[in-house]
Protein backbone atom coordinates (compact mmCIF):
# COMPACT_ATOMS: atom_id res chain seq x y z
CA MET A 1 -78.78 -51.71 -41.06
CA CYS A 2 -78.54 -47.98 -41.64
CA GLY A 3 -81.37 -46.19 -39.86
CA ARG A 4 -79.89 -42.81 -38.95
CA TYR A 5 -77.08 -40.76 -40.48
CA ALA A 6 -75.54 -37.29 -40.80
CA ALA A 7 -74.94 -35.17 -43.90
CA THR A 8 -73.41 -31.71 -43.54
CA ALA A 9 -71.85 -30.97 -46.94
CA LYS A 10 -73.16 -27.82 -48.62
CA PRO A 11 -74.94 -28.20 -51.98
CA GLY A 12 -72.05 -26.44 -53.72
CA GLU A 13 -69.61 -28.96 -52.29
CA LEU A 14 -71.76 -31.84 -53.51
CA VAL A 15 -72.02 -30.26 -56.96
CA GLU A 16 -68.24 -30.30 -57.23
CA GLU A 17 -67.67 -33.74 -55.73
CA TYR A 18 -70.41 -35.52 -57.70
CA GLU A 19 -70.15 -33.49 -60.93
CA ILE A 20 -73.77 -32.33 -60.74
CA ASP A 21 -75.42 -30.76 -63.79
CA PHE A 22 -78.54 -29.39 -62.11
CA VAL A 23 -79.67 -28.72 -58.53
CA ASP A 24 -83.32 -28.93 -57.58
CA ASP A 25 -84.88 -27.02 -54.71
CA LEU A 26 -83.61 -29.22 -51.87
CA GLY A 27 -85.68 -27.65 -49.12
CA PRO A 28 -84.63 -28.98 -45.68
CA ALA A 29 -82.23 -31.41 -47.36
CA ALA A 30 -79.95 -28.46 -48.23
CA SER A 31 -79.15 -27.74 -44.58
CA PRO A 32 -76.45 -29.53 -42.54
CA ARG A 33 -78.10 -32.21 -40.41
CA TRP A 34 -76.68 -34.57 -37.81
CA ASN A 35 -79.74 -36.75 -37.11
CA ILE A 36 -81.42 -37.75 -40.38
CA ALA A 37 -84.15 -40.33 -39.85
CA PRO A 38 -86.51 -42.31 -42.10
CA THR A 39 -89.32 -40.39 -43.86
CA MET A 40 -87.19 -37.23 -43.89
CA PRO A 41 -86.18 -35.52 -47.16
CA ILE A 42 -82.58 -36.39 -48.04
CA ALA A 43 -80.12 -34.97 -50.58
CA THR A 44 -79.74 -37.53 -53.37
CA VAL A 45 -77.68 -37.81 -56.56
CA LEU A 46 -79.34 -39.47 -59.56
CA VAL A 47 -79.61 -39.27 -63.34
CA ASP A 48 -82.81 -37.75 -64.71
CA ASP A 49 -84.08 -37.46 -68.29
CA ARG A 50 -84.70 -33.75 -68.80
CA ASP A 51 -85.68 -32.47 -72.23
CA GLY A 52 -84.37 -35.63 -73.82
CA HIS A 53 -80.94 -35.35 -72.16
CA GLU A 54 -79.56 -37.38 -69.28
CA THR A 55 -78.83 -34.94 -66.45
CA ARG A 56 -76.97 -35.67 -63.24
CA LEU A 57 -79.25 -34.20 -60.64
CA LEU A 58 -78.91 -33.24 -56.98
CA THR A 59 -82.42 -33.46 -55.60
CA ALA A 60 -84.40 -34.27 -52.48
CA THR A 61 -85.97 -37.70 -52.09
CA ARG A 62 -87.93 -39.20 -49.20
CA TRP A 63 -86.04 -41.79 -47.16
CA GLY A 64 -88.14 -44.96 -47.13
CA LEU A 65 -88.77 -46.64 -50.47
CA ILE A 66 -92.43 -47.33 -51.22
CA PRO A 67 -92.94 -50.07 -53.83
CA PRO A 68 -95.01 -48.95 -56.82
CA TRP A 69 -97.69 -51.56 -56.07
CA ALA A 70 -98.17 -50.42 -52.45
CA LYS A 71 -101.52 -48.69 -51.98
CA GLU A 72 -103.14 -48.00 -48.61
CA ARG A 73 -100.83 -47.59 -45.62
CA PRO A 74 -97.77 -48.26 -47.81
CA MET A 75 -94.68 -49.94 -46.43
CA GLN A 76 -91.60 -47.73 -46.23
CA LEU A 77 -88.37 -49.65 -46.72
CA ILE A 78 -85.30 -47.74 -45.57
CA ASN A 79 -82.75 -50.45 -46.44
CA ALA A 80 -82.33 -53.07 -49.16
CA ARG A 81 -80.05 -56.06 -48.63
CA VAL A 82 -77.55 -56.42 -51.46
CA GLU A 83 -77.85 -60.20 -51.26
CA THR A 84 -81.54 -60.12 -52.31
CA VAL A 85 -82.12 -56.71 -53.89
CA ALA A 86 -82.26 -58.10 -57.45
CA GLU A 87 -84.93 -60.68 -56.54
CA LYS A 88 -87.22 -58.94 -54.04
CA PRO A 89 -90.41 -57.62 -55.72
CA SER A 90 -90.06 -54.35 -53.79
CA PHE A 91 -86.60 -53.64 -55.23
CA ARG A 92 -85.91 -55.61 -58.41
CA ASN A 93 -87.14 -52.96 -60.84
CA ALA A 94 -85.42 -50.10 -59.03
CA ILE A 95 -82.01 -51.83 -58.94
CA ARG A 96 -82.17 -52.16 -62.72
CA ARG A 97 -83.16 -48.63 -63.70
CA ARG A 98 -83.43 -46.29 -60.70
CA ARG A 99 -80.14 -46.26 -58.82
CA CYS A 100 -78.89 -43.28 -56.84
CA ILE A 101 -76.25 -42.07 -54.38
CA VAL A 102 -76.97 -40.73 -50.90
CA PRO A 103 -74.08 -38.53 -49.66
CA ALA A 104 -73.36 -38.93 -45.94
CA ASP A 105 -70.64 -37.95 -43.46
CA GLY A 106 -71.24 -41.17 -41.55
CA TYR A 107 -74.00 -43.09 -39.84
CA TYR A 108 -75.17 -44.32 -36.43
CA GLU A 109 -75.66 -47.81 -35.11
CA TRP A 110 -76.81 -49.01 -31.70
CA ARG A 111 -75.18 -51.78 -29.68
CA ALA A 112 -76.59 -53.49 -26.59
CA GLU A 113 -74.30 -52.68 -23.65
CA GLY A 114 -75.10 -53.02 -19.95
CA GLY A 115 -78.81 -53.46 -20.49
CA ARG A 116 -79.22 -50.45 -22.77
CA LYS A 117 -78.59 -49.42 -26.37
CA GLN A 118 -75.39 -47.42 -26.85
CA PRO A 119 -75.22 -45.33 -30.06
CA TYR A 120 -72.02 -45.39 -32.11
CA TRP A 121 -70.94 -42.98 -34.83
CA LEU A 122 -69.24 -44.69 -37.79
CA GLN A 123 -67.30 -42.20 -39.87
CA GLY A 124 -65.88 -42.27 -43.39
CA ALA A 125 -62.15 -42.06 -43.96
CA THR A 126 -62.19 -39.02 -46.25
CA GLY A 127 -64.94 -36.69 -47.42
CA THR A 128 -68.50 -37.91 -47.80
CA LEU A 129 -69.55 -41.52 -48.08
CA ALA A 130 -71.34 -42.16 -51.37
CA LEU A 131 -73.99 -44.55 -50.08
CA ALA A 132 -75.54 -46.77 -52.74
CA GLY A 133 -79.28 -46.29 -53.05
CA ILE A 134 -82.28 -47.11 -55.21
CA PHE A 135 -85.49 -45.14 -55.66
CA GLU A 136 -89.10 -45.46 -56.75
CA PHE A 137 -91.91 -42.98 -57.33
CA HIS A 138 -94.92 -42.67 -55.04
CA ARG A 139 -97.86 -40.31 -55.24
CA PHE A 140 -98.58 -38.30 -52.10
CA ASP A 141 -101.90 -36.50 -52.69
CA ASP A 142 -101.32 -34.84 -56.09
CA LEU A 143 -97.52 -34.86 -55.98
CA TRP A 144 -95.17 -37.56 -57.27
CA VAL A 145 -92.24 -38.04 -54.91
CA ARG A 146 -89.10 -40.16 -55.23
CA THR A 147 -88.69 -42.55 -52.28
CA THR A 148 -85.31 -44.07 -51.48
CA ALA A 149 -83.71 -47.10 -49.83
CA ILE A 150 -80.02 -47.48 -48.91
CA LEU A 151 -78.27 -50.74 -49.80
CA THR A 152 -76.60 -52.71 -47.02
CA THR A 153 -74.26 -55.68 -46.78
CA GLU A 154 -72.76 -57.87 -44.09
CA ALA A 155 -70.46 -55.84 -41.84
CA THR A 156 -66.72 -56.31 -42.02
CA ASP A 157 -64.98 -58.07 -39.13
CA GLU A 158 -63.51 -54.73 -38.06
CA PHE A 159 -66.86 -53.14 -37.30
CA GLY A 160 -69.14 -56.16 -37.11
CA TRP A 161 -69.00 -55.92 -33.32
CA VAL A 162 -71.13 -52.76 -33.52
CA HIS A 163 -73.75 -54.12 -35.92
CA ASP A 164 -73.89 -57.04 -38.36
CA ARG A 165 -74.94 -54.85 -41.32
CA MET A 166 -73.36 -51.80 -42.93
CA PRO A 167 -74.21 -49.58 -45.92
CA LEU A 168 -72.59 -50.12 -49.30
CA VAL A 169 -70.48 -47.38 -50.82
CA VAL A 170 -70.05 -46.48 -54.50
CA HIS A 171 -66.37 -46.07 -55.37
CA ALA A 172 -65.56 -42.77 -57.10
CA ASP A 173 -64.48 -44.61 -60.25
CA SER A 174 -67.81 -46.49 -60.37
CA ARG A 175 -70.26 -43.62 -59.91
CA ASP A 176 -70.96 -43.14 -63.62
CA ALA A 177 -71.74 -46.83 -64.11
CA TRP A 178 -73.84 -47.03 -60.95
CA LEU A 179 -75.99 -44.05 -61.93
CA ASP A 180 -76.34 -45.03 -65.62
CA PRO A 181 -80.07 -45.77 -66.15
CA THR A 182 -79.35 -47.58 -69.43
CA SER A 183 -77.32 -50.25 -67.62
CA THR A 184 -79.99 -52.72 -66.52
CA ASP A 185 -77.82 -55.62 -65.32
CA PRO A 186 -77.91 -55.53 -61.50
CA VAL A 187 -74.93 -57.89 -61.19
CA GLU A 188 -72.80 -55.57 -63.31
CA ALA A 189 -74.01 -52.49 -61.43
CA LEU A 190 -73.31 -54.02 -58.02
CA ALA A 191 -69.77 -54.97 -59.05
CA GLY A 192 -68.69 -51.34 -58.61
CA LEU A 193 -69.70 -51.12 -54.96
CA GLU A 194 -67.42 -51.53 -51.97
CA GLU A 195 -67.57 -51.59 -48.22
CA PRO A 196 -66.84 -48.20 -46.64
CA ARG A 197 -63.35 -47.60 -45.35
CA LEU A 198 -63.99 -46.25 -41.88
CA LEU A 199 -61.62 -44.45 -39.58
CA ARG A 200 -63.32 -45.38 -36.34
CA ALA A 201 -66.49 -46.27 -34.50
CA THR A 202 -67.03 -43.82 -31.64
CA ALA A 203 -69.51 -44.20 -28.78
CA VAL A 204 -71.53 -40.98 -28.68
CA THR A 205 -74.15 -39.31 -26.53
CA THR A 206 -77.56 -40.95 -26.25
CA ALA A 207 -79.10 -37.59 -27.20
CA VAL A 208 -79.09 -38.90 -30.78
CA ASN A 209 -81.73 -41.45 -29.75
CA LYS A 210 -84.41 -38.75 -29.96
CA VAL A 211 -85.16 -37.86 -33.57
CA GLY A 212 -86.03 -34.28 -32.65
CA ASN A 213 -82.51 -33.61 -31.34
CA GLU A 214 -80.17 -32.00 -33.84
CA GLY A 215 -76.72 -30.43 -34.05
CA PRO A 216 -73.00 -31.30 -34.08
CA GLU A 217 -73.09 -31.97 -30.32
CA LEU A 218 -74.72 -35.33 -31.14
CA LEU A 219 -71.25 -36.52 -32.20
CA THR A 220 -69.81 -35.80 -28.75
CA PRO A 221 -67.91 -38.92 -27.63
CA VAL A 222 -69.02 -40.57 -24.41
CA GLY A 223 -67.11 -39.13 -21.45
CA GLU A 224 -66.47 -35.69 -22.97
C-alpha cells in the first residue's frame, strides 16, 4: 500500500534526472510537498504523442486512477497490485499502453502500535524514487484529466514489519522501456521493475495523519 508520500524535487531537477523533453504547467504539483494524498495533483513522467513525435513529458496527473468505463461516482484507485495488474479490468489496458513514473522522496506507512496507528517514513537510498505508475483519462466537466495509480508489490522481509505492501520502483536503466508506449507486453514491461532500496524506516510525528498538515517538520522522528 502506498497512500501518502513526499516529493520535494524542483521541476528543473526532475528534467535533468528523467531526461524530460517538455514541462507542462504543473500547478501545485511543482511545489515541494511532504504530505501528498489521493486526489491531489502529482508530478508525473510519461511519454506523450505531440505533433506526431513521442515526447517525454513532465506533467501533473490526478492521484487515483479512474477506469474509462466508470461513470457516476467513479471509483478512484490509488494503487495497483503488480500480481494482478495485467488481468484486472480497471488496469489491464493502462499497463499495456499508459505507463508512467511518479517521482517521490519516500512514502509513509502506518503500523498498529499500542492501540494506535504509528506513521513511519520510508526513504529512498539516493535521490528520488521512480515509482512505477499507470494512468487513464477521465473527463471532469469539460476537461480531460490523466488519473494515476502506483504499482505495489509484497514488501521485502526488511521492511515487511511496517506494512506488507510496498511500491515498485523503475530502475534507471529500465525507464525508457517502461515508458515506451509501443511496448504492449506487460510481462516484458514489468521485468524492469525492482523493489526500492531503502535506507531506513523512521517513526515520525502523527501530525502527518492530517492531510491538511504540510511541511518538512512532518518528517521529524518520534522523540525529537
